[in-house]
Amino acid sequence: MERIVDDPQEKQWGMFTHLAALATFVLPVAGNFIGPLIIYLIKKDEYEFVNDQGKEVLNFQISWSIIFAISIVLIFVGIGVIMLVGFGIAWLVLVIVGSVAASNGQYYRYPLTYNFFQ
């Protein structure tokens, strides 16, 4: 059975944790990690949902940063640009899907993500 959060404040902070990854458009390279990390560190003890989703977002951002780094290296082989565009679109869609799920109180799990934080 799927767990659902009822508290509106908890859902809102969970959604902000996902949306904070969009800070990468303001602070390239590290914004996608720093934004969610700040919210996670501030609210993890207050809300269990933010604790769970914060770890999920951080795991996703680290995993996909590695994917993007590999794509950049593969530019020299010729397929890196295609990978960057494809993974970039997928990243944006997944961040939006995670944000919507969190705003509905659903515990969201990102695909292609290694669990650095348990």
PDB file of N, CA and C in Angstrom:
ATOM      1  N   MET A   1       0.834  -1.190   0.000  1.00  0.00           N
ATOM      2  CA  MET A   1       0.000   0.000   0.000  1.00  0.00           C
ATOM      3  C   MET A   1       0.876   1.250   0.000  1.00  0.00           C
ATOM      4  N   GLU A   2       0.508   2.214  -0.780  1.00  0.00           N
ATOM      5  CA  GLU A   2       1.274   3.443  -0.918  1.00  0.00           C
ATOM      6  C   GLU A   2       1.019   4.364   0.272  1.00  0.00           C
ATOM      7  N   ARG A   3       2.110   4.916   0.810  1.00  0.00           N
ATOM      8  CA  ARG A   3       1.990   5.858   1.920  1.00  0.00           C
ATOM      9  C   ARG A   3       1.669   7.245   1.372  1.00  0.00           C
ATOM     10  N   ILE A   4       0.762   7.921   2.043  1.00  0.00           N
ATOM     11  CA  ILE A   4       0.361   9.278   1.656  1.00  0.00           C
ATOM     12  C   ILE A   4       0.470  10.180   2.885  1.00  0.00           C
ATOM     13  N   VAL A   5       0.978  11.374   2.684  1.00  0.00           N
ATOM     14  CA  VAL A   5       1.096  12.376   3.746  1.00  0.00           C
ATOM     15  C   VAL A   5      -0.127  13.271   3.684  1.00  0.00           C
ATOM     16  N   ASP A   6      -0.694  13.586   4.855  1.00  0.00           N
ATOM     17  CA  ASP A   6      -1.892  14.422   4.908  1.00  0.00           C
ATOM     18  C   ASP A   6      -1.615  15.877   5.286  1.00  0.00           C
ATOM     19  N   ASP A   7      -0.569  16.119   6.052  1.00  0.00           N
ATOM     20  CA  ASP A   7      -0.279  17.461   6.548  1.00  0.00           C
ATOM     21  C   ASP A   7       0.121  18.391   5.391  1.00  0.00           C
ATOM     22  N   PRO A   8      -0.642  19.475   5.174  1.00  0.00           N
ATOM     23  CA  PRO A   8      -0.344  20.382   4.048  1.00  0.00           C
ATOM     24  C   PRO A   8       1.049  21.011   4.131  1.00  0.00           C
ATOM     25  N   GLN A   9       1.485  21.362   5.331  1.00  0.00           N
ATOM     26  CA  GLN A   9       2.825  21.944   5.502  1.00  0.00           C
ATOM     27  C   GLN A   9       3.909  20.941   5.109  1.00  0.00           C
ATOM     28  N   GLU A  10       3.733  19.712   5.524  1.00  0.00           N
ATOM     29  CA  GLU A  10       4.702  18.663   5.224  1.00  0.00           C
ATOM     30  C   GLU A  10       4.765  18.401   3.718  1.00  0.00           C
ATOM     31  N   LYS A  11       3.605  18.365   3.062  1.00  0.00           N
ATOM     32  CA  LYS A  11       3.559  18.180   1.608  1.00  0.00           C
ATOM     33  C   LYS A  11       4.231  19.349   0.902  1.00  0.00           C
ATOM     34  N   GLN A  12       3.970  20.559   1.379  1.00  0.00           N
ATOM     35  CA  GLN A  12       4.538  21.742   0.745  1.00  0.00           C
ATOM     36  C   GLN A  12       6.070  21.734   0.838  1.00  0.00           C
ATOM     37  N   TRP A  13       6.608  21.415   2.009  1.00  0.00           N
ATOM     38  CA  TRP A  13       8.060  21.374   2.155  1.00  0.00           C
ATOM     39  C   TRP A  13       8.668  20.218   1.365  1.00  0.00           C
ATOM     40  N   GLY A  14       7.948  19.118   1.250  1.00  0.00           N
ATOM     41  CA  GLY A  14       8.408  18.014   0.407  1.00  0.00           C
ATOM     42  C   GLY A  14       8.494  18.437  -1.048  1.00  0.00           C
ATOM     43  N   MET A  15       7.495  19.175  -1.513  1.00  0.00           N
ATOM     44  CA  MET A  15       7.488  19.687  -2.880  1.00  0.00           C
ATOM     45  C   MET A  15       8.642  20.671  -3.083  1.00  0.00           C
ATOM     46  N   PHE A  16       8.858  21.564  -2.116  1.00  0.00           N
ATOM     47  CA  PHE A  16       9.955  22.525  -2.225  1.00  0.00           C
ATOM     48  C   PHE A  16      11.309  21.824  -2.313  1.00  0.00           C
ATOM     49  N   THR A  17      11.428  20.691  -1.637  1.00  0.00           N
ATOM     50  CA  THR A  17      12.683  19.940  -1.684  1.00  0.00           C
ATOM     51  C   THR A  17      12.980  19.492  -3.110  1.00  0.00           C
ATOM     52  N   HIS A  18      11.953  19.029  -3.820  1.00  0.00           N
ATOM     53  CA  HIS A  18      12.131  18.630  -5.220  1.00  0.00           C
ATOM     54  C   HIS A  18      12.385  19.848  -6.107  1.00  0.00           C
ATOM     55  N   LEU A  19      11.587  20.881  -5.933  1.00  0.00           N
ATOM     56  CA  LEU A  19      11.705  22.077  -6.778  1.00  0.00           C
ATOM     57  C   LEU A  19      13.023  22.817  -6.571  1.00  0.00           C
ATOM     58  N   ALA A  20      13.629  22.666  -5.410  1.00  0.00           N
ATOM     59  CA  ALA A  20      14.886  23.363  -5.125  1.00  0.00           C
ATOM     60  C   ALA A  20      16.002  22.926  -6.074  1.00  0.00           C
ATOM     61  N   ALA A  21      15.851  21.775  -6.700  1.00  0.00           N
ATOM     62  CA  ALA A  21      16.852  21.324  -7.675  1.00  0.00           C
ATOM     63  C   ALA A  21      16.913  22.263  -8.869  1.00  0.00           C
ATOM     64  N   LEU A  22      15.848  23.002  -9.111  1.00  0.00           N
ATOM     65  CA  LEU A  22      15.834  23.944 -10.224  1.00  0.00           C
ATOM     66  C   LEU A  22      16.759  25.139  -9.964  1.00  0.00           C
ATOM     67  N   ALA A  23      17.333  25.207  -8.777  1.00  0.00           N
ATOM     68  CA  ALA A  23      18.331  26.236  -8.473  1.00  0.00           C
ATOM     69  C   ALA A  23      19.546  26.101  -9.382  1.00  0.00           C
ATOM     70  N   THR A  24      19.652  24.987 -10.070  1.00  0.00           N
ATOM     71  CA  THR A  24      20.759  24.796 -11.010  1.00  0.00           C
ATOM     72  C   THR A  24      20.719  25.823 -12.130  1.00  0.00           C
ATOM     73  N   PHE A  25      19.540  26.394 -12.414  1.00  0.00           N
ATOM     74  CA  PHE A  25      19.437  27.417 -13.443  1.00  0.00           C
ATOM     75  C   PHE A  25      19.966  28.763 -12.951  1.00  0.00           C
ATOM     76  N   VAL A  26      20.073  28.924 -11.633  1.00  0.00           N
ATOM     77  CA  VAL A  26      20.628  30.136 -11.039  1.00  0.00           C
ATOM     78  C   VAL A  26      22.100  29.936 -10.710  1.00  0.00           C
ATOM     79  N   LEU A  27      22.427  28.770 -10.186  1.00  0.00           N
ATOM     80  CA  LEU A  27      23.791  28.428  -9.784  1.00  0.00           C
ATOM     81  C   LEU A  27      24.198  27.147 -10.508  1.00  0.00           C
ATOM     82  N   PRO A  28      24.653  27.274 -11.755  1.00  0.00           N
ATOM     83  CA  PRO A  28      25.005  26.072 -12.531  1.00  0.00           C
ATOM     84  C   PRO A  28      26.059  25.222 -11.815  1.00  0.00           C
ATOM     85  N   VAL A  29      26.054  23.975 -12.107  1.00  0.00           N
ATOM     86  CA  VAL A  29      26.963  22.947 -11.618  1.00  0.00           C
ATOM     87  C   VAL A  29      26.554  22.436 -10.237  1.00  0.00           C
ATOM     88  N   ALA A  30      26.354  23.307  -9.255  1.00  0.00           N
ATOM     89  CA  ALA A  30      26.076  22.833  -7.901  1.00  0.00           C
ATOM     90  C   ALA A  30      24.687  23.185  -7.395  1.00  0.00           C
ATOM     91  N   GLY A  31      23.956  24.027  -8.088  1.00  0.00           N
ATOM     92  CA  GLY A  31      22.637  24.463  -7.615  1.00  0.00           C
ATOM     93  C   GLY A  31      21.652  23.328  -7.449  1.00  0.00           C
ATOM     94  N   ASN A  32      21.739  22.332  -8.320  1.00  0.00           N
ATOM     95  CA  ASN A  32      20.810  21.202  -8.234  1.00  0.00           C
ATOM     96  C   ASN A  32      21.004  20.403  -6.950  1.00  0.00           C
ATOM     97  N   PHE A  33      22.155  20.483  -6.352  1.00  0.00           N
ATOM     98  CA  PHE A  33      22.440  19.763  -5.119  1.00  0.00           C
ATOM     99  C   PHE A  33      22.294  20.666  -3.895  1.00  0.00           C
ATOM    100  N   ILE A  34      22.753  21.898  -4.001  1.00  0.00           N
ATOM    101  CA  ILE A  34      22.750  22.818  -2.858  1.00  0.00           C
ATOM    102  C   ILE A  34      21.334  23.206  -2.439  1.00  0.00           C
ATOM    103  N   GLY A  35      20.459  23.484  -3.407  1.00  0.00           N
ATOM    104  CA  GLY A  35      19.075  23.862  -3.083  1.00  0.00           C
ATOM    105  C   GLY A  35      18.360  22.817  -2.241  1.00  0.00           C
ATOM    106  N   PRO A  36      18.278  21.558  -2.717  1.00  0.00           N
ATOM    107  CA  PRO A  36      17.619  20.530  -1.921  1.00  0.00           C
ATOM    108  C   PRO A  36      18.336  20.249  -0.595  1.00  0.00           C
ATOM    109  N   LEU A  37      19.664  20.353  -0.597  1.00  0.00           N
ATOM    110  CA  LEU A  37      20.423  20.094   0.630  1.00  0.00           C
ATOM    111  C   LEU A  37      20.052  21.089   1.722  1.00  0.00           C
ATOM    112  N   ILE A  38      19.901  22.350   1.366  1.00  0.00           N
ATOM    113  CA  ILE A  38      19.554  23.372   2.354  1.00  0.00           C
ATOM    114  C   ILE A  38      18.185  23.072   2.974  1.00  0.00           C
ATOM    115  N   ILE A  39      17.200  22.790   2.148  1.00  0.00           N
ATOM    116  CA  ILE A  39      15.864  22.480   2.672  1.00  0.00           C
ATOM    117  C   ILE A  39      15.898  21.206   3.507  1.00  0.00           C
ATOM    118  N   TYR A  40      16.598  20.197   3.018  1.00  0.00           N
ATOM    119  CA  TYR A  40      16.713  18.930   3.751  1.00  0.00           C
ATOM    120  C   TYR A  40      17.313  19.158   5.139  1.00  0.00           C
ATOM    121  N   LEU A  41      18.408  19.885   5.214  1.00  0.00           N
ATOM    122  CA  LEU A  41      19.073  20.096   6.504  1.00  0.00           C
ATOM    123  C   LEU A  41      18.222  20.915   7.470  1.00  0.00           C
ATOM    124  N   ILE A  42      17.445  21.849   6.951  1.00  0.00           N
ATOM    125  CA  ILE A  42      16.620  22.704   7.811  1.00  0.00           C
ATOM    126  C   ILE A  42      15.369  21.964   8.316  1.00  0.00           C
ATOM    127  N   LYS A  43      14.744  21.146   7.462  1.00  0.00           N
ATOM    128  CA  LYS A  43      13.425  20.579   7.783  1.00  0.00           C
ATOM    129  C   LYS A  43      13.410  19.074   8.050  1.00  0.00           C
ATOM    130  N   LYS A  44      14.535  18.374   7.943  1.00  0.00           N
ATOM    131  CA  LYS A  44      14.530  16.910   8.071  1.00  0.00           C
ATOM    132  C   LYS A  44      14.087  16.420   9.451  1.00  0.00           C
ATOM    133  N   ASP A  45      14.409  17.158  10.481  1.00  0.00           N
ATOM    134  CA  ASP A  45      14.018  16.735  11.828  1.00  0.00           C
ATOM    135  C   ASP A  45      12.578  17.109  12.152  1.00  0.00           C
ATOM    136  N   GLU A  46      12.050  18.074  11.431  1.00  0.00           N
ATOM    137  CA  GLU A  46      10.691  18.538  11.674  1.00  0.00           C
ATOM    138  C   GLU A  46       9.647  17.667  10.962  1.00  0.00           C
ATOM    139  N   TYR A  47       9.980  17.208   9.752  1.00  0.00           N
ATOM    140  CA  TYR A  47       9.034  16.449   8.937  1.00  0.00           C
ATOM    141  C   TYR A  47       9.671  15.166   8.409  1.00  0.00           C
ATOM    142  N   GLU A  48       9.077  14.037   8.703  1.00  0.00           N
ATOM    143  CA  GLU A  48       9.568  12.745   8.211  1.00  0.00           C
ATOM    144  C   GLU A  48       9.517  12.679   6.685  1.00  0.00           C
ATOM    145  N   PHE A  49       8.488  13.265   6.099  1.00  0.00           N
ATOM    146  CA  PHE A  49       8.336  13.270   4.646  1.00  0.00           C
ATOM    147  C   PHE A  49       9.493  14.014   3.984  1.00  0.00           C
ATOM    148  N   VAL A  50       9.875  15.152   4.531  1.00  0.00           N
ATOM    149  CA  VAL A  50      10.995  15.924   3.994  1.00  0.00           C
ATOM    150  C   VAL A  50      12.295  15.155   4.188  1.00  0.00           C
ATOM    151  N   ASN A  51      12.432  14.459   5.303  1.00  0.00           N
ATOM    152  CA  ASN A  51      13.616  13.630   5.546  1.00  0.00           C
ATOM    153  C   ASN A  51      13.744  12.565   4.454  1.00  0.00           C
ATOM    154  N   ASP A  52      12.654  11.872   4.167  1.00  0.00           N
ATOM    155  CA  ASP A  52      12.665  10.820   3.154  1.00  0.00           C
ATOM    156  C   ASP A  52      12.878  11.392   1.754  1.00  0.00           C
ATOM    157  N   GLN A  53      12.090  12.387   1.396  1.00  0.00           N
ATOM    158  CA  GLN A  53      12.170  12.938   0.049  1.00  0.00           C
ATOM    159  C   GLN A  53      13.468  13.717  -0.168  1.00  0.00           C
ATOM    160  N   GLY A  54      13.983  14.322   0.884  1.00  0.00           N
ATOM    161  CA  GLY A  54      15.264  15.025   0.782  1.00  0.00           C
ATOM    162  C   GLY A  54      16.391  14.070   0.415  1.00  0.00           C
ATOM    163  N   LYS A  55      16.426  12.923   1.057  1.00  0.00           N
ATOM    164  CA  LYS A  55      17.434  11.907   0.716  1.00  0.00           C
ATOM    165  C   LYS A  55      17.239  11.430  -0.716  1.00  0.00           C
ATOM    166  N   GLU A  56      15.992  11.240  -1.114  1.00  0.00           N
ATOM    167  CA  GLU A  56      15.698  10.778  -2.475  1.00  0.00           C
ATOM    168  C   GLU A  56      16.156  11.806  -3.508  1.00  0.00           C
ATOM    169  N   VAL A  57      15.862  13.071  -3.260  1.00  0.00           N
ATOM    170  CA  VAL A  57      16.269  14.122  -4.192  1.00  0.00           C
ATOM    171  C   VAL A  57      17.790  14.224  -4.257  1.00  0.00           C
ATOM    172  N   LEU A  58      18.448  14.175  -3.116  1.00  0.00           N
ATOM    173  CA  LEU A  58      19.917  14.263  -3.108  1.00  0.00           C
ATOM    174  C   LEU A  58      20.541  13.077  -3.840  1.00  0.00           C
ATOM    175  N   ASN A  59      20.012  11.876  -3.607  1.00  0.00           N
ATOM    176  CA  ASN A  59      20.513  10.697  -4.329  1.00  0.00           C
ATOM    177  C   ASN A  59      20.330  10.871  -5.831  1.00  0.00           C
ATOM    178  N   PHE A  60      19.170  11.372  -6.236  1.00  0.00           N
ATOM    179  CA  PHE A  60      18.883  11.595  -7.652  1.00  0.00           C
ATOM    180  C   PHE A  60      19.838  12.627  -8.240  1.00  0.00           C
ATOM    181  N   GLN A  61      20.028  13.728  -7.557  1.00  0.00           N
ATOM    182  CA  GLN A  61      20.877  14.791  -8.082  1.00  0.00           C
ATOM    183  C   GLN A  61      22.336  14.358  -8.191  1.00  0.00           C
ATOM    184  N   ILE A  62      22.826  13.617  -7.230  1.00  0.00           N
ATOM    185  CA  ILE A  62      24.208  13.120  -7.310  1.00  0.00           C
ATOM    186  C   ILE A  62      24.335  12.118  -8.451  1.00  0.00           C
ATOM    187  N   SER A  63      23.399  11.175  -8.532  1.00  0.00           N
ATOM    188  CA  SER A  63      23.445  10.164  -9.593  1.00  0.00           C
ATOM    189  C   SER A  63      23.405  10.803 -10.971  1.00  0.00           C
ATOM    190  N   TRP A  64      22.521  11.753 -11.147  1.00  0.00           N
ATOM    191  CA  TRP A  64      22.383  12.369 -12.464  1.00  0.00           C
ATOM    192  C   TRP A  64      23.512  13.350 -12.756  1.00  0.00           C
ATOM    193  N   SER A  65      24.124  13.905 -11.741  1.00  0.00           N
ATOM    194  CA  SER A  65      25.321  14.728 -11.979  1.00  0.00           C
ATOM    195  C   SER A  65      26.438  13.860 -12.546  1.00  0.00           C
ATOM    196  N   ILE A  66      26.534  12.643 -12.063  1.00  0.00           N
ATOM    197  CA  ILE A  66      27.521  11.696 -12.600  1.00  0.00           C
ATOM    198  C   ILE A  66      27.184  11.363 -14.055  1.00  0.00           C
ATOM    199  N   ILE A  67      25.905  11.146 -14.334  1.00  0.00           N
ATOM    200  CA  ILE A  67      25.472  10.878 -15.716  1.00  0.00           C
ATOM    201  C   ILE A  67      25.820  12.053 -16.622  1.00  0.00           C
ATOM    202  N   PHE A  68      25.587  13.275 -16.158  1.00  0.00           N
ATOM    203  CA  PHE A  68      25.907  14.453 -16.968  1.00  0.00           C
ATOM    204  C   PHE A  68      27.418  14.590 -17.175  1.00  0.00           C
ATOM    205  N   ALA A  69      28.205  14.283 -16.139  1.00  0.00           N
ATOM    206  CA  ALA A  69      29.662  14.357 -16.271  1.00  0.00           C
ATOM    207  C   ALA A  69      30.159  13.355 -17.319  1.00  0.00           C
ATOM    208  N   ILE A  70      29.600  12.158 -17.309  1.00  0.00           N
ATOM    209  CA  ILE A  70      29.960  11.158 -18.315  1.00  0.00           C
ATOM    210  C   ILE A  70      29.561  11.634 -19.704  1.00  0.00           C
ATOM    211  N   SER A  71      28.391  12.253 -19.805  1.00  0.00           N
ATOM    212  CA  SER A  71      27.931  12.780 -21.095  1.00  0.00           C
ATOM    213  C   SER A  71      28.875  13.863 -21.616  1.00  0.00           C
ATOM    214  N   ILE A  72      29.369  14.704 -20.723  1.00  0.00           N
ATOM    215  CA  ILE A  72      30.305  15.758 -21.130  1.00  0.00           C
ATOM    216  C   ILE A  72      31.589  15.151 -21.669  1.00  0.00           C
ATOM    217  N   VAL A  73      32.087  14.120 -21.013  1.00  0.00           N
ATOM    218  CA  VAL A  73      33.287  13.429 -21.495  1.00  0.00           C
ATOM    219  C   VAL A  73      33.026  12.805 -22.867  1.00  0.00           C
ATOM    220  N   LEU A  74      31.826  12.284 -23.059  1.00  0.00           N
ATOM    221  CA  LEU A  74      31.501  11.621 -24.324  1.00  0.00           C
ATOM    222  C   LEU A  74      31.237  12.594 -25.469  1.00  0.00           C
ATOM    223  N   ILE A  75      31.276  13.891 -25.200  1.00  0.00           N
ATOM    224  CA  ILE A  75      31.178  14.868 -26.287  1.00  0.00           C
ATOM    225  C   ILE A  75      32.328  14.649 -27.271  1.00  0.00           C
ATOM    226  N   PHE A  76      33.486  14.274 -26.748  1.00  0.00           N
ATOM    227  CA  PHE A  76      34.659  14.061 -27.599  1.00  0.00           C
ATOM    228  C   PHE A  76      34.510  12.836 -28.490  1.00  0.00           C
ATOM    229  N   VAL A  77      33.624  11.921 -28.135  1.00  0.00           N
ATOM    230  CA  VAL A  77      33.366  10.737 -28.944  1.00  0.00           C
ATOM    231  C   VAL A  77      32.260  11.032 -29.962  1.00  0.00           C
ATOM    232  N   GLY A  78      31.452  12.021 -29.680  1.00  0.00           N
ATOM    233  CA  GLY A  78      30.426  12.417 -30.628  1.00  0.00           C
ATOM    234  C   GLY A  78      28.997  12.200 -30.175  1.00  0.00           C
ATOM    235  N   ILE A  79      28.793  11.452 -29.103  1.00  0.00           N
ATOM    236  CA  ILE A  79      27.414  11.194 -28.664  1.00  0.00           C
ATOM    237  C   ILE A  79      27.027  11.982 -27.409  1.00  0.00           C
ATOM    238  N   GLY A  80      27.989  12.696 -26.859  1.00  0.00           N
ATOM    239  CA  GLY A  80      27.749  13.420 -25.612  1.00  0.00           C
ATOM    240  C   GLY A  80      26.691  14.501 -25.699  1.00  0.00           C
ATOM    241  N   VAL A  81      26.653  15.211 -26.812  1.00  0.00           N
ATOM    242  CA  VAL A  81      25.669  16.294 -26.960  1.00  0.00           C
ATOM    243  C   VAL A  81      24.259  15.717 -26.972  1.00  0.00           C
ATOM    244  N   ILE A  82      24.071  14.635 -27.699  1.00  0.00           N
ATOM    245  CA  ILE A  82      22.760  13.979 -27.746  1.00  0.00           C
ATOM    246  C   ILE A  82      22.370  13.481 -26.357  1.00  0.00           C
ATOM    247  N   MET A  83      23.345  12.905 -25.644  1.00  0.00           N
ATOM    248  CA  MET A  83      23.074  12.432 -24.287  1.00  0.00           C
ATOM    249  C   MET A  83      22.723  13.589 -23.358  1.00  0.00           C
ATOM    250  N   LEU A  84      23.447  14.693 -23.462  1.00  0.00           N
ATOM    251  CA  LEU A  84      23.168  15.848 -22.601  1.00  0.00           C
ATOM    252  C   LEU A  84      21.765  16.385 -22.828  1.00  0.00           C
ATOM    253  N   VAL A  85      21.366  16.493 -24.073  1.00  0.00           N
ATOM    254  CA  VAL A  85      20.028  16.992 -24.380  1.00  0.00           C
ATOM    255  C   VAL A  85      18.970  16.016 -23.863  1.00  0.00           C
ATOM    256  N   GLY A  86      19.141  14.738 -24.162  1.00  0.00           N
ATOM    257  CA  GLY A  86      18.169  13.726 -23.734  1.00  0.00           C
ATOM    258  C   GLY A  86      18.060  13.616 -22.222  1.00  0.00           C
ATOM    259  N   PHE A  87      19.210  13.520 -21.561  1.00  0.00           N
ATOM    260  CA  PHE A  87      19.186  13.420 -20.100  1.00  0.00           C
ATOM    261  C   PHE A  87      18.735  14.727 -19.463  1.00  0.00           C
ATOM    262  N   GLY A  88      19.031  15.869 -20.107  1.00  0.00           N
ATOM    263  CA  GLY A  88      18.581  17.154 -19.582  1.00  0.00           C
ATOM    264  C   GLY A  88      17.064  17.272 -19.579  1.00  0.00           C
ATOM    265  N   ILE A  89      16.452  16.853 -20.681  1.00  0.00           N
ATOM    266  CA  ILE A  89      14.986  16.866 -20.756  1.00  0.00           C
ATOM    267  C   ILE A  89      14.399  15.887 -19.751  1.00  0.00           C
ATOM    268  N   ALA A  90      14.974  14.690 -19.676  1.00  0.00           N
ATOM    269  CA  ALA A  90      14.489  13.678 -18.721  1.00  0.00           C
ATOM    270  C   ALA A  90      14.626  14.194 -17.289  1.00  0.00           C
ATOM    271  N   TRP A  91      15.750  14.849 -16.980  1.00  0.00           N
ATOM    272  CA  TRP A  91      15.980  15.389 -15.638  1.00  0.00           C
ATOM    273  C   TRP A  91      14.888  16.394 -15.275  1.00  0.00           C
ATOM    274  N   LEU A  92      14.607  17.319 -16.180  1.00  0.00           N
ATOM    275  CA  LEU A  92      13.592  18.341 -15.916  1.00  0.00           C
ATOM    276  C   LEU A  92      12.216  17.717 -15.717  1.00  0.00           C
ATOM    277  N   VAL A  93      11.852  16.772 -16.567  1.00  0.00           N
ATOM    278  CA  VAL A  93      10.555  16.094 -16.442  1.00  0.00           C
ATOM    279  C   VAL A  93      10.470  15.355 -15.108  1.00  0.00           C
ATOM    280  N   LEU A  94      11.536  14.650 -14.737  1.00  0.00           N
ATOM    281  CA  LEU A  94      11.515  13.890 -13.484  1.00  0.00           C
ATOM    282  C   LEU A  94      11.430  14.797 -12.265  1.00  0.00           C
ATOM    283  N   VAL A  95      12.095  15.942 -12.307  1.00  0.00           N
ATOM    284  CA  VAL A  95      11.996  16.898 -11.189  1.00  0.00           C
ATOM    285  C   VAL A  95      10.559  17.403 -11.058  1.00  0.00           C
ATOM    286  N   ILE A  96       9.925  17.681 -12.179  1.00  0.00           N
ATOM    287  CA  ILE A  96       8.529  18.152 -12.153  1.00  0.00           C
ATOM    288  C   ILE A  96       7.604  17.049 -11.651  1.00  0.00           C
ATOM    289  N   VAL A  97       7.795  15.823 -12.132  1.00  0.00           N
ATOM    290  CA  VAL A  97       6.969  14.695 -11.681  1.00  0.00           C
ATOM    291  C   VAL A  97       7.147  14.466 -10.182  1.00  0.00           C
ATOM    292  N   GLY A  98       8.384  14.520  -9.700  1.00  0.00           N
ATOM    293  CA  GLY A  98       8.643  14.364  -8.267  1.00  0.00           C
ATOM    294  C   GLY A  98       7.997  15.464  -7.449  1.00  0.00           C
ATOM    295  N   SER A  99       8.034  16.680  -7.964  1.00  0.00           N
ATOM    296  CA  SER A  99       7.418  17.814  -7.264  1.00  0.00           C
ATOM    297  C   SER A  99       5.910  17.658  -7.167  1.00  0.00           C
ATOM    298  N   VAL A 100       5.293  17.239  -8.257  1.00  0.00           N
ATOM    299  CA  VAL A 100       3.841  17.039  -8.262  1.00  0.00           C
ATOM    300  C   VAL A 100       3.460  15.903  -7.316  1.00  0.00           C
ATOM    301  N   ALA A 101       4.215  14.815  -7.355  1.00  0.00           N
ATOM    302  CA  ALA A 101       3.930  13.689  -6.455  1.00  0.00           C
ATOM    303  C   ALA A 101       4.049  14.127  -4.994  1.00  0.00           C
ATOM    304  N   ALA A 102       5.103  14.871  -4.678  1.00  0.00           N
ATOM    305  CA  ALA A 102       5.281  15.341  -3.303  1.00  0.00           C
ATOM    306  C   ALA A 102       4.176  16.299  -2.894  1.00  0.00           C
ATOM    307  N   SER A 103       3.725  17.146  -3.815  1.00  0.00           N
ATOM    308  CA  SER A 103       2.638  18.074  -3.474  1.00  0.00           C
ATOM    309  C   SER A 103       1.342  17.327  -3.202  1.00  0.00           C
ATOM    310  N   ASN A 104       1.223  16.106  -3.730  1.00  0.00           N
ATOM    311  CA  ASN A 104       0.065  15.249  -3.449  1.00  0.00           C
ATOM    312  C   ASN A 104       0.297  14.345  -2.239  1.00  0.00           C
ATOM    313  N   GLY A 105       1.464  14.488  -1.601  1.00  0.00           N
ATOM    314  CA  GLY A 105       1.767  13.704  -0.408  1.00  0.00           C
ATOM    315  C   GLY A 105       2.275  12.306  -0.687  1.00  0.00           C
ATOM    316  N   GLN A 106       2.670  12.019  -1.918  1.00  0.00           N
ATOM    317  CA  GLN A 106       3.157  10.691  -2.287  1.00  0.00           C
ATOM    318  C   GLN A 106       4.668  10.611  -2.114  1.00  0.00           C
ATOM    319  N   TYR A 107       5.128   9.488  -1.606  1.00  0.00           N
ATOM    320  CA  TYR A 107       6.559   9.233  -1.489  1.00  0.00           C
ATOM    321  C   TYR A 107       7.062   8.832  -2.874  1.00  0.00           C
ATOM    322  N   TYR A 108       7.813   9.710  -3.529  1.00  0.00           N
ATOM    323  CA  TYR A 108       8.253   9.498  -4.907  1.00  0.00           C
ATOM    324  C   TYR A 108       9.651   8.891  -4.934  1.00  0.00           C
ATOM    325  N   ARG A 109       9.876   7.975  -5.861  1.00  0.00           N
ATOM    326  CA  ARG A 109      11.184   7.360  -6.078  1.00  0.00           C
ATOM    327  C   ARG A 109      11.624   7.623  -7.514  1.00  0.00           C
ATOM    328  N   TYR A 110      12.790   8.243  -7.664  1.00  0.00           N
ATOM    329  CA  TYR A 110      13.331   8.543  -8.986  1.00  0.00           C
ATOM    330  C   TYR A 110      13.944   7.296  -9.620  1.00  0.00           C
ATOM    331  N   PRO A 111      13.826   7.161 -10.952  1.00  0.00           N
ATOM    332  CA  PRO A 111      14.489   6.047 -11.639  1.00  0.00           C
ATOM    333  C   PRO A 111      15.979   6.361 -11.857  1.00  0.00           C
ATOM    334  N   LEU A 112      16.749   5.338 -12.165  1.00  0.00           N
ATOM    335  CA  LEU A 112      18.177   5.470 -12.461  1.00  0.00           C
ATOM    336  C   LEU A 112      18.929   6.223 -11.377  1.00  0.00           C
ATOM    337  N   THR A 113      18.655   5.869 -10.134  1.00  0.00           N
ATOM    338  CA  THR A 113      19.244   6.571  -9.000  1.00  0.00           C
ATOM    339  C   THR A 113      19.920   5.588  -8.064  1.00  0.00           C
ATOM    340  N   TYR A 114      21.167   5.879  -7.727  1.00  0.00           N
ATOM    341  CA  TYR A 114      21.901   5.082  -6.746  1.00  0.00           C
ATOM    342  C   TYR A 114      21.669   5.696  -5.374  1.00  0.00           C
ATOM    343  N   ASN A 115      21.489   4.871  -4.364  1.00  0.00           N
ATOM    344  CA  ASN A 115      21.219   5.373  -3.019  1.00  0.00           C
ATOM    345  C   ASN A 115      22.520   5.627  -2.268  1.00  0.00           C
ATOM    346  N   PHE A 116      22.999   6.870  -2.317  1.00  0.00           N
ATOM    347  CA  PHE A 116      24.156   7.278  -1.546  1.00  0.00           C
ATOM    348  C   PHE A 116      23.763   7.471  -0.082  1.00  0.00           C
ATOM    349  N   PHE A 117      22.564   8.019   0.120  1.00  0.00           N
ATOM    350  CA  PHE A 117      22.024   8.262   1.480  1.00  0.00           C
ATOM    351  C   PHE A 117      20.873   7.300   1.700  1.00  0.00           C
ATOM    352  N   GLN A 118      20.895   6.603   2.799  1.00  0.00           N
ATOM    353  CA  GLN A 118      19.842   5.629   3.105  1.00  0.00           C
ATOM    354  C   GLN A 118      18.818   6.211   4.051  1.00  0.00           C
TER     355      GLN A 118
END
